Amino acid sequence: MKKLTTICTLLVLVLFASSCKNEKSLQQYLVDVPQKEGFVNGDLPISSLLTTKTDVSEDVKETLKSIKKINVAYLLKTADNDAAYEKEKATLKNIFSSEDYKTLMSMKMKGMNMKVYYTGDTDSLDEVIVFGYGKKSGVGVARLLGDNMNPAKVIEMLNSVKFDGDEAAIKQFANMFNE
């Protein structure tokens, strides 16, 4: 009987230890960001970041309506935070190397490297994540949470919206969170 108890205890310990992963998730990263110095973060309505062009299709408008909110975390690059920039960039690259995140598209624009990832099924996305970094602007991530987002429609939407990504707009956004 004592052997059976010992074996059961060892089995439970092995199962418990193997089920605990030490991998960092994007959700945990976004929860931890407010404690980090120099970060701008928050939850935003879709209308505060994207301005639709007047001649967009109904599919694009529907895709915009399907997005519930956007989580944003951004570290503006300064001369004093090079080590923090490199660390955060590496951390986010490590998170997105997981099989959970599938690449939707990649692009380079104005010195920024950007990748768009998604989770969920190929015909119904759970979330769309934009990860970007550049030595002059910084490193950041934006996560779009929504219902039944179609990848083709998301790409069409991303091509049909105007991103306000200049440095002045980023600093103005950062000031909203500073006291």
C-alpha atoms as a PDB file:
ATOM      1  CA  MET A   1       0.000   0.000   0.000  1.00  0.00           C
ATOM      2  CA  LYS A   2       2.859   2.361   0.812  1.00  0.00           C
ATOM      3  CA  LYS A   3       4.398   1.665  -2.607  1.00  0.00           C
ATOM      4  CA  LEU A   4       1.127   2.525  -4.342  1.00  0.00           C
ATOM      5  CA  THR A   5       0.882   5.831  -2.440  1.00  0.00           C
ATOM      6  CA  THR A   6       4.486   6.693  -3.319  1.00  0.00           C
ATOM      7  CA  ILE A   7       3.933   5.871  -7.002  1.00  0.00           C
ATOM      8  CA  CYS A   8       0.711   7.926  -7.125  1.00  0.00           C
ATOM      9  CA  THR A   9       2.429  10.865  -5.425  1.00  0.00           C
ATOM     10  CA  LEU A  10       5.338  10.745  -7.877  1.00  0.00           C
ATOM     11  CA  LEU A  11       2.933  10.511 -10.815  1.00  0.00           C
ATOM     12  CA  VAL A  12       0.998  13.569  -9.622  1.00  0.00           C
ATOM     13  CA  LEU A  13       4.239  15.521  -9.112  1.00  0.00           C
ATOM     14  CA  VAL A  14       5.490  14.614 -12.608  1.00  0.00           C
ATOM     15  CA  LEU A  15       2.164  15.617 -14.174  1.00  0.00           C
ATOM     16  CA  PHE A  16       2.104  18.882 -12.209  1.00  0.00           C
ATOM     17  CA  ALA A  17       5.697  19.764 -13.093  1.00  0.00           C
ATOM     18  CA  SER A  18       5.263  18.962 -16.780  1.00  0.00           C
ATOM     19  CA  SER A  19       2.064  21.012 -17.048  1.00  0.00           C
ATOM     20  CA  CYS A  20       3.726  24.175 -15.710  1.00  0.00           C
ATOM     21  CA  LYS A  21       5.380  25.949 -18.611  1.00  0.00           C
ATOM     22  CA  ASN A  22       7.783  28.776 -18.022  1.00  0.00           C
ATOM     23  CA  GLU A  23       7.037  30.321 -21.413  1.00  0.00           C
ATOM     24  CA  LYS A  24       5.904  33.901 -21.430  1.00  0.00           C
ATOM     25  CA  SER A  25       2.690  34.667 -23.254  1.00  0.00           C
ATOM     26  CA  LEU A  26       1.663  37.903 -24.929  1.00  0.00           C
ATOM     27  CA  GLN A  27      -1.135  38.281 -22.383  1.00  0.00           C
ATOM     28  CA  GLN A  28       1.351  38.038 -19.502  1.00  0.00           C
ATOM     29  CA  TYR A  29       3.694  40.471 -21.279  1.00  0.00           C
ATOM     30  CA  LEU A  30       0.891  43.045 -21.604  1.00  0.00           C
ATOM     31  CA  VAL A  31       0.014  42.586 -17.928  1.00  0.00           C
ATOM     32  CA  ASP A  32       3.648  43.120 -16.863  1.00  0.00           C
ATOM     33  CA  VAL A  33       4.298  46.215 -19.035  1.00  0.00           C
ATOM     34  CA  PRO A  34       2.787  48.835 -16.664  1.00  0.00           C
ATOM     35  CA  GLN A  35       5.515  48.063 -14.105  1.00  0.00           C
ATOM     36  CA  LYS A  36       8.271  48.753 -16.651  1.00  0.00           C
ATOM     37  CA  GLU A  37       9.862  52.186 -16.916  1.00  0.00           C
ATOM     38  CA  GLY A  38       9.439  54.133 -20.149  1.00  0.00           C
ATOM     39  CA  PHE A  39       6.533  52.153 -21.577  1.00  0.00           C
ATOM     40  CA  VAL A  40       3.348  53.591 -22.993  1.00  0.00           C
ATOM     41  CA  ASN A  41       0.473  51.151 -22.722  1.00  0.00           C
ATOM     42  CA  GLY A  42      -3.269  50.976 -22.643  1.00  0.00           C
ATOM     43  CA  ASP A  43      -6.471  49.633 -24.132  1.00  0.00           C
ATOM     44  CA  LEU A  44      -7.864  51.709 -26.958  1.00  0.00           C
ATOM     45  CA  PRO A  45     -11.012  51.742 -29.053  1.00  0.00           C
ATOM     46  CA  ILE A  46     -10.340  51.047 -32.722  1.00  0.00           C
ATOM     47  CA  SER A  47     -11.425  54.542 -33.774  1.00  0.00           C
ATOM     48  CA  SER A  48      -8.571  56.213 -31.865  1.00  0.00           C
ATOM     49  CA  LEU A  49      -5.829  54.648 -34.015  1.00  0.00           C
ATOM     50  CA  LEU A  50      -7.338  54.038 -37.421  1.00  0.00           C
ATOM     51  CA  THR A  51      -9.049  56.389 -39.816  1.00  0.00           C
ATOM     52  CA  THR A  52     -10.869  54.691 -42.675  1.00  0.00           C
ATOM     53  CA  LYS A  53     -10.637  56.099 -46.127  1.00  0.00           C
ATOM     54  CA  THR A  54     -13.978  57.242 -47.489  1.00  0.00           C
ATOM     55  CA  ASP A  55     -13.994  54.767 -50.382  1.00  0.00           C
ATOM     56  CA  VAL A  56     -13.530  51.501 -48.441  1.00  0.00           C
ATOM     57  CA  SER A  57     -15.667  48.457 -49.083  1.00  0.00           C
ATOM     58  CA  GLU A  58     -18.430  47.193 -46.829  1.00  0.00           C
ATOM     59  CA  ASP A  59     -16.177  44.213 -45.952  1.00  0.00           C
ATOM     60  CA  VAL A  60     -13.572  46.593 -44.526  1.00  0.00           C
ATOM     61  CA  LYS A  61     -16.234  48.432 -42.537  1.00  0.00           C
ATOM     62  CA  GLU A  62     -17.540  45.104 -41.198  1.00  0.00           C
ATOM     63  CA  THR A  63     -14.014  44.026 -40.255  1.00  0.00           C
ATOM     64  CA  LEU A  64     -13.502  47.286 -38.363  1.00  0.00           C
ATOM     65  CA  LYS A  65     -16.785  46.692 -36.533  1.00  0.00           C
ATOM     66  CA  SER A  66     -15.713  43.134 -35.608  1.00  0.00           C
ATOM     67  CA  ILE A  67     -12.698  44.436 -33.664  1.00  0.00           C
ATOM     68  CA  LYS A  68     -13.577  44.937 -29.991  1.00  0.00           C
ATOM     69  CA  LYS A  69     -10.482  46.668 -28.669  1.00  0.00           C
ATOM     70  CA  ILE A  70      -6.777  47.149 -29.119  1.00  0.00           C
ATOM     71  CA  ASN A  71      -4.136  46.521 -26.449  1.00  0.00           C
ATOM     72  CA  VAL A  72      -1.020  48.623 -27.012  1.00  0.00           C
ATOM     73  CA  ALA A  73       2.420  48.553 -25.394  1.00  0.00           C
ATOM     74  CA  TYR A  74       5.200  50.716 -26.772  1.00  0.00           C
ATOM     75  CA  LEU A  75       8.700  51.694 -25.674  1.00  0.00           C
ATOM     76  CA  LEU A  76       9.776  54.923 -27.365  1.00  0.00           C
ATOM     77  CA  LYS A  77      13.493  54.701 -28.244  1.00  0.00           C
ATOM     78  CA  THR A  78      15.771  57.236 -26.590  1.00  0.00           C
ATOM     79  CA  ALA A  79      19.549  57.576 -26.293  1.00  0.00           C
ATOM     80  CA  ASP A  80      19.347  56.292 -22.707  1.00  0.00           C
ATOM     81  CA  ASN A  81      17.336  53.101 -23.169  1.00  0.00           C
ATOM     82  CA  ASP A  82      19.234  51.090 -25.784  1.00  0.00           C
ATOM     83  CA  ALA A  83      19.589  48.066 -23.469  1.00  0.00           C
ATOM     84  CA  ALA A  84      15.875  48.111 -22.572  1.00  0.00           C
ATOM     85  CA  TYR A  85      14.962  48.414 -26.271  1.00  0.00           C
ATOM     86  CA  GLU A  86      17.093  45.372 -27.190  1.00  0.00           C
ATOM     87  CA  LYS A  87      15.738  43.351 -24.246  1.00  0.00           C
ATOM     88  CA  GLU A  88      12.084  44.081 -25.067  1.00  0.00           C
ATOM     89  CA  LYS A  89      12.617  43.378 -28.764  1.00  0.00           C
ATOM     90  CA  ALA A  90      14.202  40.015 -27.920  1.00  0.00           C
ATOM     91  CA  THR A  91      11.422  39.169 -25.443  1.00  0.00           C
ATOM     92  CA  LEU A  92       8.703  39.867 -28.004  1.00  0.00           C
ATOM     93  CA  LYS A  93      10.534  37.959 -30.750  1.00  0.00           C
ATOM     94  CA  ASN A  94      10.744  35.000 -28.357  1.00  0.00           C
ATOM     95  CA  ILE A  95       7.011  35.178 -27.617  1.00  0.00           C
ATOM     96  CA  PHE A  96       6.159  35.227 -31.323  1.00  0.00           C
ATOM     97  CA  SER A  97       8.435  32.266 -32.073  1.00  0.00           C
ATOM     98  CA  SER A  98       5.800  30.078 -30.413  1.00  0.00           C
ATOM     99  CA  GLU A  99       3.675  27.855 -32.640  1.00  0.00           C
ATOM    100  CA  ASP A 100       0.593  29.644 -31.265  1.00  0.00           C
ATOM    101  CA  TYR A 101       1.317  32.696 -33.447  1.00  0.00           C
ATOM    102  CA  LYS A 102       1.058  32.357 -37.211  1.00  0.00           C
ATOM    103  CA  THR A 103       2.530  34.984 -39.542  1.00  0.00           C
ATOM    104  CA  LEU A 104      -0.013  36.892 -41.609  1.00  0.00           C
ATOM    105  CA  MET A 105       2.349  39.388 -43.254  1.00  0.00           C
ATOM    106  CA  SER A 106       5.658  41.252 -42.855  1.00  0.00           C
ATOM    107  CA  MET A 107       6.675  44.715 -43.999  1.00  0.00           C
ATOM    108  CA  LYS A 108       9.294  47.426 -43.609  1.00  0.00           C
ATOM    109  CA  MET A 109       8.298  51.070 -43.563  1.00  0.00           C
ATOM    110  CA  LYS A 110      10.148  54.244 -42.534  1.00  0.00           C
ATOM    111  CA  GLY A 111      12.891  52.348 -40.691  1.00  0.00           C
ATOM    112  CA  MET A 112      10.407  50.092 -38.872  1.00  0.00           C
ATOM    113  CA  ASN A 113      10.263  46.322 -39.197  1.00  0.00           C
ATOM    114  CA  MET A 114       6.694  45.125 -38.749  1.00  0.00           C
ATOM    115  CA  LYS A 115       5.159  41.677 -38.574  1.00  0.00           C
ATOM    116  CA  VAL A 116       1.497  40.826 -38.338  1.00  0.00           C
ATOM    117  CA  TYR A 117       0.593  37.616 -36.515  1.00  0.00           C
ATOM    118  CA  TYR A 118      -2.702  35.921 -35.740  1.00  0.00           C
ATOM    119  CA  THR A 119      -4.131  33.246 -33.495  1.00  0.00           C
ATOM    120  CA  GLY A 120      -7.159  31.081 -34.152  1.00  0.00           C
ATOM    121  CA  ASP A 121      -8.404  29.299 -37.235  1.00  0.00           C
ATOM    122  CA  THR A 122      -7.519  30.449 -40.730  1.00  0.00           C
ATOM    123  CA  ASP A 123     -11.103  31.458 -41.477  1.00  0.00           C
ATOM    124  CA  SER A 124     -11.980  32.910 -38.050  1.00  0.00           C
ATOM    125  CA  LEU A 125      -9.231  34.757 -36.188  1.00  0.00           C
ATOM    126  CA  ASP A 126      -9.231  35.243 -32.423  1.00  0.00           C
ATOM    127  CA  GLU A 127      -6.680  38.033 -32.435  1.00  0.00           C
ATOM    128  CA  VAL A 128      -4.393  39.917 -34.789  1.00  0.00           C
ATOM    129  CA  ILE A 129      -1.075  41.162 -33.428  1.00  0.00           C
ATOM    130  CA  VAL A 130       1.157  43.821 -34.970  1.00  0.00           C
ATOM    131  CA  PHE A 131       4.732  43.740 -33.689  1.00  0.00           C
ATOM    132  CA  GLY A 132       7.119  46.472 -34.769  1.00  0.00           C
ATOM    133  CA  TYR A 133      10.531  47.819 -33.954  1.00  0.00           C
ATOM    134  CA  GLY A 134      13.047  50.314 -35.274  1.00  0.00           C
ATOM    135  CA  LYS A 135      16.272  51.795 -33.906  1.00  0.00           C
ATOM    136  CA  LYS A 136      14.895  55.351 -34.194  1.00  0.00           C
ATOM    137  CA  SER A 137      11.308  54.803 -33.041  1.00  0.00           C
ATOM    138  CA  GLY A 138      11.344  51.970 -30.503  1.00  0.00           C
ATOM    139  CA  VAL A 139       9.605  48.653 -30.021  1.00  0.00           C
ATOM    140  CA  GLY A 140       5.934  47.921 -29.576  1.00  0.00           C
ATOM    141  CA  VAL A 141       3.051  45.574 -29.962  1.00  0.00           C
ATOM    142  CA  ALA A 142      -0.630  46.110 -30.674  1.00  0.00           C
ATOM    143  CA  ARG A 143      -3.166  43.324 -30.247  1.00  0.00           C
ATOM    144  CA  LEU A 144      -6.560  43.518 -31.948  1.00  0.00           C
ATOM    145  CA  LEU A 145      -9.226  41.439 -30.223  1.00  0.00           C
ATOM    146  CA  GLY A 146     -12.395  40.692 -32.120  1.00  0.00           C
ATOM    147  CA  ASP A 147     -15.047  38.258 -33.270  1.00  0.00           C
ATOM    148  CA  ASN A 148     -14.832  36.079 -36.385  1.00  0.00           C
ATOM    149  CA  MET A 149     -12.152  38.119 -38.125  1.00  0.00           C
ATOM    150  CA  ASN A 150     -11.302  36.831 -41.605  1.00  0.00           C
ATOM    151  CA  PRO A 151      -7.565  37.019 -42.512  1.00  0.00           C
ATOM    152  CA  ALA A 152      -8.182  38.207 -46.066  1.00  0.00           C
ATOM    153  CA  LYS A 153     -10.523  40.903 -44.768  1.00  0.00           C
ATOM    154  CA  VAL A 154      -8.017  41.928 -42.080  1.00  0.00           C
ATOM    155  CA  ILE A 155      -5.282  42.352 -44.709  1.00  0.00           C
ATOM    156  CA  GLU A 156      -7.703  44.339 -46.888  1.00  0.00           C
ATOM    157  CA  MET A 157      -8.573  46.470 -43.867  1.00  0.00           C
ATOM    158  CA  LEU A 158      -4.895  47.070 -43.001  1.00  0.00           C
ATOM    159  CA  ASN A 159      -4.328  48.214 -46.589  1.00  0.00           C
ATOM    160  CA  SER A 160      -7.405  50.472 -46.458  1.00  0.00           C
ATOM    161  CA  VAL A 161      -6.659  52.406 -43.305  1.00  0.00           C
ATOM    162  CA  LYS A 162      -4.308  55.268 -42.585  1.00  0.00           C
ATOM    163  CA  PHE A 163      -1.894  54.530 -39.760  1.00  0.00           C
ATOM    164  CA  ASP A 164      -0.795  57.677 -37.978  1.00  0.00           C
ATOM    165  CA  GLY A 165       2.708  56.460 -37.193  1.00  0.00           C
ATOM    166  CA  ASP A 166       4.854  59.572 -37.125  1.00  0.00           C
ATOM    167  CA  GLU A 167       6.913  60.325 -34.034  1.00  0.00           C
ATOM    168  CA  ALA A 168       4.850  63.375 -33.046  1.00  0.00           C
ATOM    169  CA  ALA A 169       1.690  61.260 -32.885  1.00  0.00           C
ATOM    170  CA  ILE A 170       3.470  58.625 -30.799  1.00  0.00           C
ATOM    171  CA  LYS A 171       4.682  61.268 -28.325  1.00  0.00           C
ATOM    172  CA  GLN A 172       1.182  62.778 -28.154  1.00  0.00           C
ATOM    173  CA  PHE A 173      -0.184  59.284 -27.451  1.00  0.00           C
ATOM    174  CA  ALA A 174       2.443  58.791 -24.732  1.00  0.00           C
ATOM    175  CA  ASN A 175       1.435  62.064 -23.082  1.00  0.00           C
ATOM    176  CA  MET A 176      -2.121  60.740 -22.589  1.00  0.00           C
ATOM    177  CA  PHE A 177      -0.743  58.204 -20.108  1.00  0.00           C
ATOM    178  CA  ASN A 178       1.667  60.537 -18.304  1.00  0.00           C
ATOM    179  CA  GLU A 179       0.566  62.720 -15.443  1.00  0.00           C
END
